[in-house]
């Protein structure tokens, strides 16, 4: 029997969503300030309208939804799912007003892509986009990578009983510090420190590639936010190809590798425990899968003679695998090369890399290396049990900051999430196949959307059918939140309509 949510639960959800929207409005002040400094009056007005809309919505929910009751699992997780959809709508306002999108749906597509750190884009005439609006595209990626709920917990919440539920609703499990508020603030501390260091390194590479210092600084900030948050937006339509710099490629690889690591591992390294990098079973799994998929890619490319020499082949193949596995979506090739030059083996390897994803508790999407590790250990444990005497007790553990016993409950949770990803990968591909896209390319594009990667064969474009755009938005939303909070939101809506 479904129990209808109390009115106070609904008020808590709407009020917390309002706080998220207020936070989004405050963040809009940053690109608006840049627009004002550069005398981009039209974009500045666009952001003023966006800020006004966010504040009006947030203040209205604050006034109308006051309640003294605490949040719970019943309201915390749906809050997260609804917050992301609402943030997409309000974050899309300045994008749509820029005039670079064919419809508000297109602007919502790019906004969800940014928030979910996917990087697929259907913006038109990106090369002539105003600096302020371009910064906003990358800033929402930076906010979404850390988690917009993390933003609220960091800056707008002093303490709440539903904080942990909302934190976990964004696909995060590790509570690095004694309470979730401190954990959220640590995540932002790490991100801002890396932003300063990473931007400095990238600035040297882009200036060396020929950009003026001022323009180079803007590009460096945008590239770091997109790289560390494994998003993949770039300031110009050519992407990483525009810079023609091996040093920039190396710098962005470093940035992507930092972004694909679990924040718990970052915490251990910051505390001086560098051995965790080599002891952590998730990091070991990442190394194994990256190494194996790079080999598959190189074999596939070499058999076809796709590139003129071994250095070019390695640069193209290795970079795309790291970009796919980290969930970033930076590209050093044009999208149609996946179809015309890469062949089935290398193409399949990159599709697998996207589907696997990076580390749990990172800024990346996908199934996650930790789940792959737990699944493999569980299978091996079952094999050992079958080969052992009947009364033998097999205890399986993995090391992830600390030693953790693998229980049936843990394996069940891993299999549920993994199954959701696989079904969503295939489901999106079937929708594309209905529009007569080739199945292999459809699966590639669907996996890229749901795993929040951003690599594309060219299918993602302003001319896509509206249904495909909507499906991709849902895939990016569900994949970024790892489905559970989305399911709870749907369940709550059903309970409101039919519950007792």
Protein backbone atom coordinates (compact mmCIF):
# COMPACT_ATOMS: atom_id res chain seq x y z
CA UNK A 1 0.00 0.00 0.00
CA UNK A 2 1.31 3.43 -0.94
CA UNK A 3 1.18 6.02 1.82
CA UNK A 4 0.31 9.50 0.64
CA UNK A 5 2.99 12.04 1.66
CA UNK A 6 2.06 14.52 4.34
CA UNK A 7 1.59 18.14 3.39
CA UNK A 8 4.63 19.00 5.53
CA UNK A 9 6.79 16.60 3.44
CA UNK A 10 5.75 18.36 0.24
CA UNK A 11 6.46 21.75 1.82
CA UNK A 12 9.95 20.61 2.87
CA UNK A 13 10.71 19.46 -0.66
CA UNK A 14 9.50 22.66 -2.31
CA UNK A 15 11.28 24.86 0.23
CA UNK A 16 14.59 23.03 -0.27
CA UNK A 17 14.17 23.26 -4.04
CA UNK A 18 13.70 27.00 -3.56
CA UNK A 19 17.04 27.18 -1.72
CA UNK A 20 18.74 25.46 -4.64
CA UNK A 21 17.21 27.95 -7.08
CA UNK A 22 18.33 30.89 -4.90
CA UNK A 23 21.85 29.45 -4.94
CA UNK A 24 21.67 29.20 -8.72
CA UNK A 25 20.56 32.84 -8.91
CA UNK A 26 23.48 33.94 -6.74
CA UNK A 27 25.86 32.04 -9.03
CA UNK A 28 24.48 33.95 -12.04
CA UNK A 29 25.96 37.12 -10.55
CA UNK A 30 29.44 35.91 -11.57
CA UNK A 31 28.87 35.79 -15.37
CA UNK A 32 26.73 38.94 -15.11
CA UNK A 33 29.67 40.76 -13.50
CA UNK A 34 31.94 39.59 -16.34
CA UNK A 35 29.41 40.80 -18.91
CA UNK A 36 29.23 44.20 -17.24
CA UNK A 37 33.03 44.49 -17.15
CA UNK A 38 33.22 43.66 -20.87
CA UNK A 39 30.25 45.94 -21.67
CA UNK A 40 28.15 43.04 -22.90
CA UNK A 41 24.91 44.78 -22.01
CA UNK A 42 22.47 42.31 -23.57
CA UNK A 43 23.92 39.24 -21.80
CA UNK A 44 24.09 41.22 -18.54
CA UNK A 45 20.36 41.90 -18.89
CA UNK A 46 19.74 38.21 -19.62
CA UNK A 47 21.42 37.28 -16.34
CA UNK A 48 19.55 40.01 -14.46
CA UNK A 49 16.29 38.46 -15.67
CA UNK A 50 17.52 35.00 -14.65
CA UNK A 51 18.54 36.22 -11.19
CA UNK A 52 15.21 37.97 -10.70
CA UNK A 53 13.31 34.81 -11.66
CA UNK A 54 15.40 32.66 -9.29
CA UNK A 55 15.00 35.02 -6.35
CA UNK A 56 11.25 35.42 -6.86
CA UNK A 57 10.78 31.65 -6.98
CA UNK A 58 13.05 31.03 -3.98
CA UNK A 59 11.49 33.74 -1.81
CA UNK A 60 7.98 32.56 -2.69
CA UNK A 61 8.77 28.99 -1.63
CA UNK A 62 10.46 30.25 1.54
CA UNK A 63 7.36 32.22 2.55
CA UNK A 64 4.68 29.73 1.52
CA UNK A 65 6.34 26.47 2.59
CA UNK A 66 7.53 27.13 6.14
CA UNK A 67 7.35 24.10 8.41
CA UNK A 68 9.06 23.10 11.62
CA UNK A 69 9.24 19.39 10.82
CA UNK A 70 12.56 17.77 9.82
CA UNK A 71 13.40 16.22 6.46
CA UNK A 72 13.48 12.44 6.06
CA UNK A 73 14.37 9.77 3.52
CA UNK A 74 10.85 10.23 2.19
CA UNK A 75 11.53 13.86 1.29
CA UNK A 76 15.32 14.16 1.04
CA UNK A 77 15.85 12.07 -2.09
CA UNK A 78 12.89 13.46 -4.10
CA UNK A 79 14.19 16.93 -3.19
CA UNK A 80 17.41 16.16 -5.06
CA UNK A 81 15.67 14.86 -8.20
CA UNK A 82 13.23 17.76 -8.35
CA UNK A 83 15.99 20.30 -7.58
CA UNK A 84 17.97 19.20 -10.62
CA UNK A 85 14.99 19.52 -12.95
CA UNK A 86 14.07 22.91 -11.51
CA UNK A 87 17.68 24.12 -11.70
CA UNK A 88 17.74 23.07 -15.37
CA UNK A 89 14.71 25.24 -16.14
CA UNK A 90 15.98 28.35 -14.33
CA UNK A 91 19.59 27.88 -15.45
CA UNK A 92 18.40 27.73 -19.06
CA UNK A 93 16.83 31.21 -18.92
CA UNK A 94 19.99 33.24 -19.74
CA UNK A 95 21.06 30.60 -22.26
CA UNK A 96 17.77 30.84 -24.15
CA UNK A 97 17.74 34.65 -24.01
CA UNK A 98 21.20 34.69 -25.63
CA UNK A 99 19.59 33.83 -28.98
CA UNK A 100 21.95 30.88 -29.61
CA UNK A 101 19.32 28.19 -29.15
CA UNK A 102 16.50 27.23 -31.46
CA UNK A 103 14.02 26.64 -28.62
CA UNK A 104 13.76 26.65 -24.85
CA UNK A 105 14.02 22.84 -24.98
CA UNK A 106 17.42 23.22 -26.64
CA UNK A 107 18.54 25.61 -23.88
CA UNK A 108 17.30 23.14 -21.25
CA UNK A 109 19.24 20.38 -23.03
CA UNK A 110 22.52 22.30 -22.75
CA UNK A 111 21.77 23.35 -19.18
CA UNK A 112 21.11 19.76 -18.06
CA UNK A 113 24.19 18.66 -20.00
CA UNK A 114 26.22 21.22 -18.05
CA UNK A 115 24.73 20.45 -14.64
CA UNK A 116 25.09 16.70 -15.20
CA UNK A 117 28.68 17.27 -16.49
CA UNK A 118 27.84 15.52 -19.76
CA UNK A 119 29.15 17.96 -22.36
CA UNK A 120 26.80 17.13 -25.23
CA UNK A 121 25.72 20.43 -26.75
CA UNK A 122 23.26 21.69 -29.34
CA UNK A 123 24.16 25.37 -29.09
CA UNK A 124 24.29 27.30 -32.36
CA UNK A 125 27.18 29.55 -33.41
CA UNK A 126 29.22 28.89 -30.27
CA UNK A 127 32.22 30.79 -31.62
CA UNK A 128 30.30 34.09 -31.41
CA UNK A 129 28.76 33.51 -27.98
CA UNK A 130 29.22 36.34 -25.46
CA UNK A 131 31.92 35.80 -22.83
CA UNK A 132 29.45 36.02 -19.94
CA UNK A 133 27.12 33.40 -21.41
CA UNK A 134 30.06 31.16 -22.30
CA UNK A 135 31.31 31.40 -18.72
CA UNK A 136 27.84 30.43 -17.47
CA UNK A 137 27.93 27.24 -19.57
CA UNK A 138 31.12 26.21 -17.81
CA UNK A 139 30.15 27.49 -14.39
CA UNK A 140 27.00 25.35 -14.27
CA UNK A 141 29.27 22.41 -15.10
CA UNK A 142 31.49 23.33 -12.15
CA UNK A 143 28.46 23.60 -9.86
CA UNK A 144 26.96 20.35 -11.16
CA UNK A 145 30.23 18.45 -10.84
CA UNK A 146 30.48 19.12 -7.13
CA UNK A 147 26.68 18.76 -6.91
CA UNK A 148 24.16 21.55 -6.64
CA UNK A 149 22.95 20.05 -3.36
CA UNK A 150 26.55 20.20 -2.13
CA UNK A 151 26.50 23.91 -3.01
CA UNK A 152 23.38 24.41 -0.89
CA UNK A 153 24.79 22.35 2.00
CA UNK A 154 28.01 24.37 1.84
CA UNK A 155 26.67 27.89 1.68
CA UNK A 156 22.98 27.88 2.63
CA UNK A 157 22.57 25.24 5.34
CA UNK A 158 24.04 25.39 8.84
CA UNK A 159 22.71 21.94 9.72
CA UNK A 160 19.66 19.82 8.93
CA UNK A 161 18.47 16.31 9.64
CA UNK A 162 17.89 15.69 5.93
CA UNK A 163 21.35 16.79 4.82
CA UNK A 164 22.79 13.28 4.50
CA UNK A 165 19.79 12.07 2.52
CA UNK A 166 20.14 14.93 0.04
CA UNK A 167 23.91 14.41 -0.17
CA UNK A 168 23.49 10.72 -1.01
CA UNK A 169 20.72 11.54 -3.45
CA UNK A 170 23.32 13.06 -5.80
CA UNK A 171 25.08 9.71 -6.13
CA UNK A 172 27.58 10.23 -3.30
CA UNK A 173 28.15 7.68 -0.56
CA UNK A 174 31.36 8.68 1.24
CA UNK A 175 31.04 10.90 4.28
CA UNK A 176 34.64 12.07 4.39
CA UNK A 177 34.41 14.18 7.56
CA UNK A 178 32.31 13.66 10.74
CA UNK A 179 29.26 15.43 9.31
CA UNK A 180 27.93 15.97 5.82
CA UNK A 181 28.14 19.78 5.99
CA UNK A 182 31.90 19.58 6.66
CA UNK A 183 32.22 16.99 3.89
CA UNK A 184 30.47 19.32 1.41
CA UNK A 185 32.75 22.19 2.38
CA UNK A 186 35.84 20.00 1.99
CA UNK A 187 34.73 19.07 -1.55
CA UNK A 188 34.47 22.77 -2.40
CA UNK A 189 37.85 23.53 -0.80
CA UNK A 190 39.51 20.85 -2.93
CA UNK A 191 37.76 22.08 -6.06
CA UNK A 192 38.72 25.74 -5.58
CA UNK A 193 42.37 24.94 -4.78
CA UNK A 194 42.60 22.72 -7.85
CA UNK A 195 40.86 25.45 -9.88
CA UNK A 196 43.63 27.92 -9.03
CA UNK A 197 46.47 25.47 -9.67
CA UNK A 198 44.92 23.89 -12.77
CA UNK A 199 44.02 27.22 -14.35
CA UNK A 200 47.62 28.40 -13.89
CA UNK A 201 49.00 25.31 -15.64
CA UNK A 202 46.49 25.54 -18.49
CA UNK A 203 47.17 29.26 -18.88
CA UNK A 204 50.83 28.53 -19.65
CA UNK A 205 49.85 25.96 -22.28
CA UNK A 206 47.21 28.07 -24.07
CA UNK A 207 49.45 31.16 -24.13
CA UNK A 208 52.25 28.98 -25.48
CA UNK A 209 49.75 27.81 -28.14
CA UNK A 210 49.30 31.42 -29.27
CA UNK A 211 46.39 32.92 -27.34
CA UNK A 212 46.74 36.40 -25.76
CA UNK A 213 47.02 36.37 -21.96
CA UNK A 214 43.53 37.79 -21.27
CA UNK A 215 41.75 35.46 -23.66
CA UNK A 216 44.01 32.63 -22.52
CA UNK A 217 42.96 33.13 -18.90
CA UNK A 218 39.30 32.86 -19.87
CA UNK A 219 39.92 29.70 -21.88
CA UNK A 220 42.01 28.20 -19.06
CA UNK A 221 39.31 28.75 -16.44
CA UNK A 222 36.66 27.26 -18.71
CA UNK A 223 38.79 24.26 -19.69
CA UNK A 224 39.70 23.49 -16.10
CA UNK A 225 36.10 23.63 -14.90
CA UNK A 226 35.04 21.36 -17.77
CA UNK A 227 38.02 19.00 -17.32
CA UNK A 228 38.06 18.61 -13.54
CA UNK A 229 34.30 18.24 -13.43
CA UNK A 230 34.52 15.74 -16.29
CA UNK A 231 32.10 17.79 -18.36
CA UNK A 232 33.64 18.46 -21.74
CA UNK A 233 32.25 21.85 -22.74
CA UNK A 234 34.83 24.02 -24.49
CA UNK A 235 34.79 27.76 -25.26
CA UNK A 236 34.95 27.17 -29.04
CA UNK A 237 33.20 24.78 -31.39
CA UNK A 238 36.39 22.96 -32.45
CA UNK A 239 37.05 21.87 -28.89
CA UNK A 240 40.56 20.74 -27.95
CA UNK A 241 41.48 20.48 -31.66
CA UNK A 242 41.49 24.29 -31.86
CA UNK A 243 44.66 24.62 -29.76
CA UNK A 244 46.93 22.20 -31.72
CA UNK A 245 49.04 21.68 -28.59
CA UNK A 246 50.36 18.42 -27.19
CA UNK A 247 51.12 20.26 -23.93
CA UNK A 248 47.49 21.28 -23.58
CA UNK A 249 46.45 17.69 -24.25
CA UNK A 250 48.76 16.50 -21.46
CA UNK A 251 47.49 19.20 -19.10
CA UNK A 252 43.86 18.29 -19.77
CA UNK A 253 44.66 14.59 -19.27
CA UNK A 254 46.01 15.49 -15.81
CA UNK A 255 42.88 17.54 -15.13
CA UNK A 256 40.61 14.68 -16.22
CA UNK A 257 42.50 12.19 -14.06
CA UNK A 258 42.04 14.43 -11.01
CA UNK A 259 38.33 14.70 -11.76
CA UNK A 260 37.84 10.95 -12.12
CA UNK A 261 39.19 10.24 -8.60
CA UNK A 262 36.97 9.72 -5.57
CA UNK A 263 36.96 12.70 -3.19
CA UNK A 264 37.71 10.26 -0.37
CA UNK A 265 41.01 9.43 -2.11
CA UNK A 266 41.67 13.15 -2.55
CA UNK A 267 41.10 13.56 1.21
CA UNK A 268 43.55 10.75 2.04
CA UNK A 269 46.23 12.26 -0.20
CA UNK A 270 45.65 15.73 1.27
CA UNK A 271 46.10 14.25 4.75
CA UNK A 272 49.45 12.81 3.69
CA UNK A 273 48.32 9.21 3.10
CA UNK A 274 49.64 8.92 -0.47
CA UNK A 275 49.76 5.13 -0.20
CA UNK A 276 45.97 5.15 -0.58
CA UNK A 277 46.46 5.90 -4.29
CA UNK A 278 48.13 2.50 -4.71
CA UNK A 279 46.17 0.51 -2.09
CA UNK A 280 42.68 1.64 -3.14
CA UNK A 281 40.95 -1.18 -5.02
CA UNK A 282 38.86 1.23 -7.07
CA UNK A 283 42.00 2.98 -8.33
CA UNK A 284 43.47 -0.43 -9.21
CA UNK A 285 40.31 -1.31 -11.14
CA UNK A 286 40.49 1.99 -13.02
CA UNK A 287 44.10 1.31 -14.01
CA UNK A 288 43.22 -2.18 -15.24
CA UNK A 289 40.20 -1.12 -17.30
CA UNK A 290 41.94 1.94 -18.76
CA UNK A 291 45.02 -0.11 -19.68
CA UNK A 292 42.93 -2.88 -21.23
CA UNK A 293 40.74 -0.52 -23.26
CA UNK A 294 43.74 1.50 -24.46
CA UNK A 295 45.26 -1.75 -25.78
CA UNK A 296 42.00 -2.68 -27.53
CA UNK A 297 41.85 0.78 -29.08
CA UNK A 298 45.44 0.68 -30.29
CA UNK A 299 44.98 -2.78 -31.80
CA UNK A 300 41.84 -1.63 -33.60
CA UNK A 301 43.46 1.53 -34.96
CA UNK A 302 46.70 -0.18 -35.99
CA UNK A 303 44.90 -2.93 -37.92
CA UNK A 304 43.13 -0.26 -39.97
CA UNK A 305 46.12 2.07 -40.32
CA UNK A 306 43.85 4.87 -39.16
CA UNK A 307 46.70 7.31 -38.49
CA UNK A 308 50.04 7.83 -40.24
CA UNK A 309 52.38 6.81 -37.39
CA UNK A 310 52.46 5.26 -33.93
CA UNK A 311 52.75 8.60 -32.10
CA UNK A 312 49.65 10.04 -33.79
CA UNK A 313 47.76 6.81 -33.26
CA UNK A 314 48.62 6.75 -29.55
CA UNK A 315 47.79 10.44 -29.08
CA UNK A 316 44.39 10.06 -30.69
CA UNK A 317 43.51 6.67 -29.18
CA UNK A 318 44.83 7.20 -25.64
CA UNK A 319 43.28 10.66 -25.32
CA UNK A 320 39.83 9.52 -26.43
CA UNK A 321 39.89 6.51 -24.06
CA UNK A 322 40.90 8.68 -21.07
CA UNK A 323 38.26 11.25 -22.04
CA UNK A 324 35.62 8.52 -22.32
CA UNK A 325 36.61 6.61 -19.17
CA UNK A 326 36.79 9.76 -17.06
CA UNK A 327 33.40 10.87 -18.41
CA UNK A 328 34.81 14.15 -19.69
CA UNK A 329 34.09 14.19 -23.41
CA UNK A 330 37.02 16.33 -24.60
CA UNK A 331 37.83 15.34 -28.18
CA UNK A 332 41.02 15.63 -30.24
CA UNK A 333 39.27 14.19 -33.30
CA UNK A 334 36.11 15.14 -35.17
CA UNK A 335 33.05 13.11 -34.20
CA UNK A 336 32.55 11.44 -37.57
CA UNK A 337 36.05 9.91 -37.33
CA UNK A 338 34.68 7.40 -34.82
CA UNK A 339 32.52 6.04 -37.64
CA UNK A 340 34.70 6.60 -40.71
CA UNK A 341 38.22 5.84 -39.41
CA UNK A 342 38.16 3.98 -36.10
CA UNK A 343 36.58 0.66 -37.09
CA UNK A 344 34.42 -1.60 -34.88
CA UNK A 345 37.05 -2.70 -32.32
CA UNK A 346 38.33 0.76 -31.29
CA UNK A 347 34.78 2.13 -31.49
CA UNK A 348 33.55 -0.63 -29.17
CA UNK A 349 36.43 0.00 -26.73
CA UNK A 350 35.50 3.68 -26.37
CA UNK A 351 31.82 2.77 -25.91
CA UNK A 352 32.83 0.39 -23.10
CA UNK A 353 35.02 3.07 -21.52
CA UNK A 354 32.07 5.47 -21.43
CA UNK A 355 29.76 2.83 -19.98
CA UNK A 356 32.21 1.83 -17.23
CA UNK A 357 32.77 5.40 -16.02
CA UNK A 358 35.26 6.61 -13.44
CA UNK A 359 35.36 6.46 -9.62
CA UNK A 360 32.37 6.51 -7.30
CA UNK A 361 32.07 9.77 -5.39
CA UNK A 362 33.90 11.67 -8.15
CA UNK A 363 32.52 14.23 -10.58
CA UNK A 364 32.06 11.55 -13.27
CA UNK A 365 29.13 9.38 -14.34
CA UNK A 366 28.76 5.82 -15.57
CA UNK A 367 28.58 2.50 -13.72
CA UNK A 368 31.77 3.32 -11.72
CA UNK A 369 34.93 1.31 -11.16
CA UNK A 370 33.99 0.47 -7.57
CA UNK A 371 30.85 -1.36 -8.72
CA UNK A 372 32.88 -3.24 -11.34
CA UNK A 373 35.36 -4.26 -8.62
CA UNK A 374 32.61 -5.41 -6.22
CA UNK A 375 30.87 -7.37 -9.00
CA UNK A 376 34.11 -9.13 -9.97
CA UNK A 377 34.94 -9.95 -6.33
CA UNK A 378 31.41 -11.25 -5.74
CA UNK A 379 31.63 -13.56 -8.76
CA UNK A 380 35.06 -14.79 -7.66
CA UNK A 381 33.70 -15.38 -4.13
CA UNK A 382 30.85 -17.49 -5.54
CA UNK A 383 33.33 -19.53 -7.61
CA UNK A 384 35.53 -20.15 -4.53
CA UNK A 385 32.46 -21.20 -2.52
CA UNK A 386 31.46 -23.72 -5.18
CA UNK A 387 34.97 -25.18 -5.13
CA UNK A 388 35.15 -25.31 -1.31
CA UNK A 389 33.61 -27.71 1.23
CA UNK A 390 29.89 -27.00 1.94
CA UNK A 391 30.45 -25.51 5.41
CA UNK A 392 33.18 -23.08 4.25
CA UNK A 393 32.50 -19.41 4.94
CA UNK A 394 33.93 -17.09 2.27
CA UNK A 395 34.49 -13.50 3.39
CA UNK A 396 35.17 -11.03 0.59
CA UNK A 397 36.61 -7.58 1.30
CA UNK A 398 37.76 -4.60 -0.71
CA UNK A 399 39.88 -1.61 0.31
CA UNK A 400 38.37 1.80 -0.31
CA UNK A 401 39.95 4.23 2.18
CA UNK A 402 39.25 1.45 4.69
CA UNK A 403 38.60 -2.30 4.47
CA UNK A 404 34.93 -3.04 3.75
CA UNK A 405 33.23 -6.47 3.85
CA UNK A 406 31.18 -7.35 0.77
CA UNK A 407 27.69 -8.31 1.93
CA UNK A 408 24.70 -9.63 -0.02
CA UNK A 409 22.96 -6.30 0.56
CA UNK A 410 25.91 -4.42 -0.92
CA UNK A 411 26.07 -6.70 -3.97
CA UNK A 412 22.30 -6.35 -4.47
CA UNK A 413 22.57 -2.55 -4.46
CA UNK A 414 25.46 -2.67 -6.93
CA UNK A 415 23.56 -4.94 -9.30
CA UNK A 416 20.41 -2.79 -9.18
CA UNK A 417 22.28 0.39 -10.14
CA UNK A 418 24.39 -1.40 -12.78
CA UNK A 419 21.25 -2.91 -14.32
CA UNK A 420 19.59 0.51 -14.41
CA UNK A 421 22.53 1.93 -16.34
CA UNK A 422 22.61 -0.93 -18.85
CA UNK A 423 18.85 -0.77 -19.44
CA UNK A 424 19.04 3.00 -19.92
CA UNK A 425 21.98 2.69 -22.35
CA UNK A 426 20.02 0.20 -24.45
CA UNK A 427 16.68 2.02 -24.09
CA UNK A 428 18.10 5.30 -25.40
CA UNK A 429 19.70 3.46 -28.30
CA UNK A 430 16.35 1.90 -29.22
CA UNK A 431 14.72 5.34 -29.30
CA UNK A 432 17.44 6.53 -31.68
CA UNK A 433 17.05 3.40 -33.77
CA UNK A 434 13.36 4.28 -34.21
CA UNK A 435 14.57 7.35 -36.09
CA UNK A 436 16.76 5.12 -38.29
CA UNK A 437 20.11 5.94 -36.75
CA UNK A 438 22.59 3.02 -37.08
CA UNK A 439 22.42 0.85 -33.95
CA UNK A 440 26.13 0.99 -33.07
CA UNK A 441 26.18 4.78 -33.30
CA UNK A 442 22.88 4.98 -31.41
CA UNK A 443 24.29 2.89 -28.55
CA UNK A 444 27.44 5.04 -28.50
CA UNK A 445 25.41 8.26 -28.28
CA UNK A 446 22.96 6.89 -25.72
CA UNK A 447 25.80 5.64 -23.51
CA UNK A 448 27.50 9.02 -23.80
CA UNK A 449 24.34 10.78 -22.60
CA UNK A 450 23.46 8.43 -19.73
CA UNK A 451 27.06 8.03 -18.51
CA UNK A 452 27.45 11.83 -18.65
CA UNK A 453 30.42 11.74 -21.03
CA UNK A 454 29.81 14.01 -24.01
CA UNK A 455 31.62 12.21 -26.83
CA UNK A 456 29.56 12.19 -30.01
CA UNK A 457 29.59 10.68 -33.47
CA UNK A 458 27.67 13.69 -34.77
CA UNK A 459 24.14 12.51 -33.90
CA UNK A 460 23.75 15.14 -31.17
CA UNK A 461 22.86 18.33 -33.04
CA UNK A 462 20.23 21.09 -33.07
CA UNK A 463 18.38 19.13 -35.77
CA UNK A 464 17.72 16.08 -33.58
CA UNK A 465 14.04 15.16 -33.11
CA UNK A 466 12.50 16.78 -30.02
CA UNK A 467 11.75 13.34 -28.53
CA UNK A 468 15.43 12.39 -28.72
CA UNK A 469 16.41 15.64 -26.99
CA UNK A 470 13.90 14.94 -24.22
CA UNK A 471 15.12 11.34 -23.83
CA UNK A 472 18.73 12.53 -23.59
CA UNK A 473 17.74 15.07 -20.92
CA UNK A 474 16.13 12.28 -18.89
CA UNK A 475 19.15 10.04 -19.41
CA UNK A 476 21.58 12.74 -18.28
CA UNK A 477 19.40 13.51 -15.26
CA UNK A 478 18.95 9.89 -14.19
CA UNK A 479 22.54 8.88 -14.91
CA UNK A 480 24.02 11.77 -12.92
CA UNK A 481 21.81 11.04 -9.87
CA UNK A 482 22.25 7.26 -10.22
CA UNK A 483 18.49 6.71 -10.53
CA UNK A 484 17.41 6.15 -6.91
CA UNK A 485 16.33 9.72 -6.15
CA UNK A 486 14.56 9.84 -9.53
CA UNK A 487 12.66 6.65 -8.69
CA UNK A 488 11.66 8.05 -5.31
CA UNK A 489 10.39 11.26 -6.92
CA UNK A 490 8.28 9.23 -9.35
CA UNK A 491 7.05 7.06 -6.49
CA UNK A 492 6.12 10.13 -4.46
CA UNK A 493 4.14 11.58 -7.37
CA UNK A 494 2.27 8.28 -7.73
CA UNK A 495 1.62 8.22 -3.97
CA UNK A 496 0.23 11.76 -4.08
CA UNK A 497 -2.20 10.70 -6.79
CA UNK A 498 -3.12 7.22 -5.57
CA UNK A 499 -1.79 6.78 -2.03
CA UNK A 500 -3.82 6.51 1.16
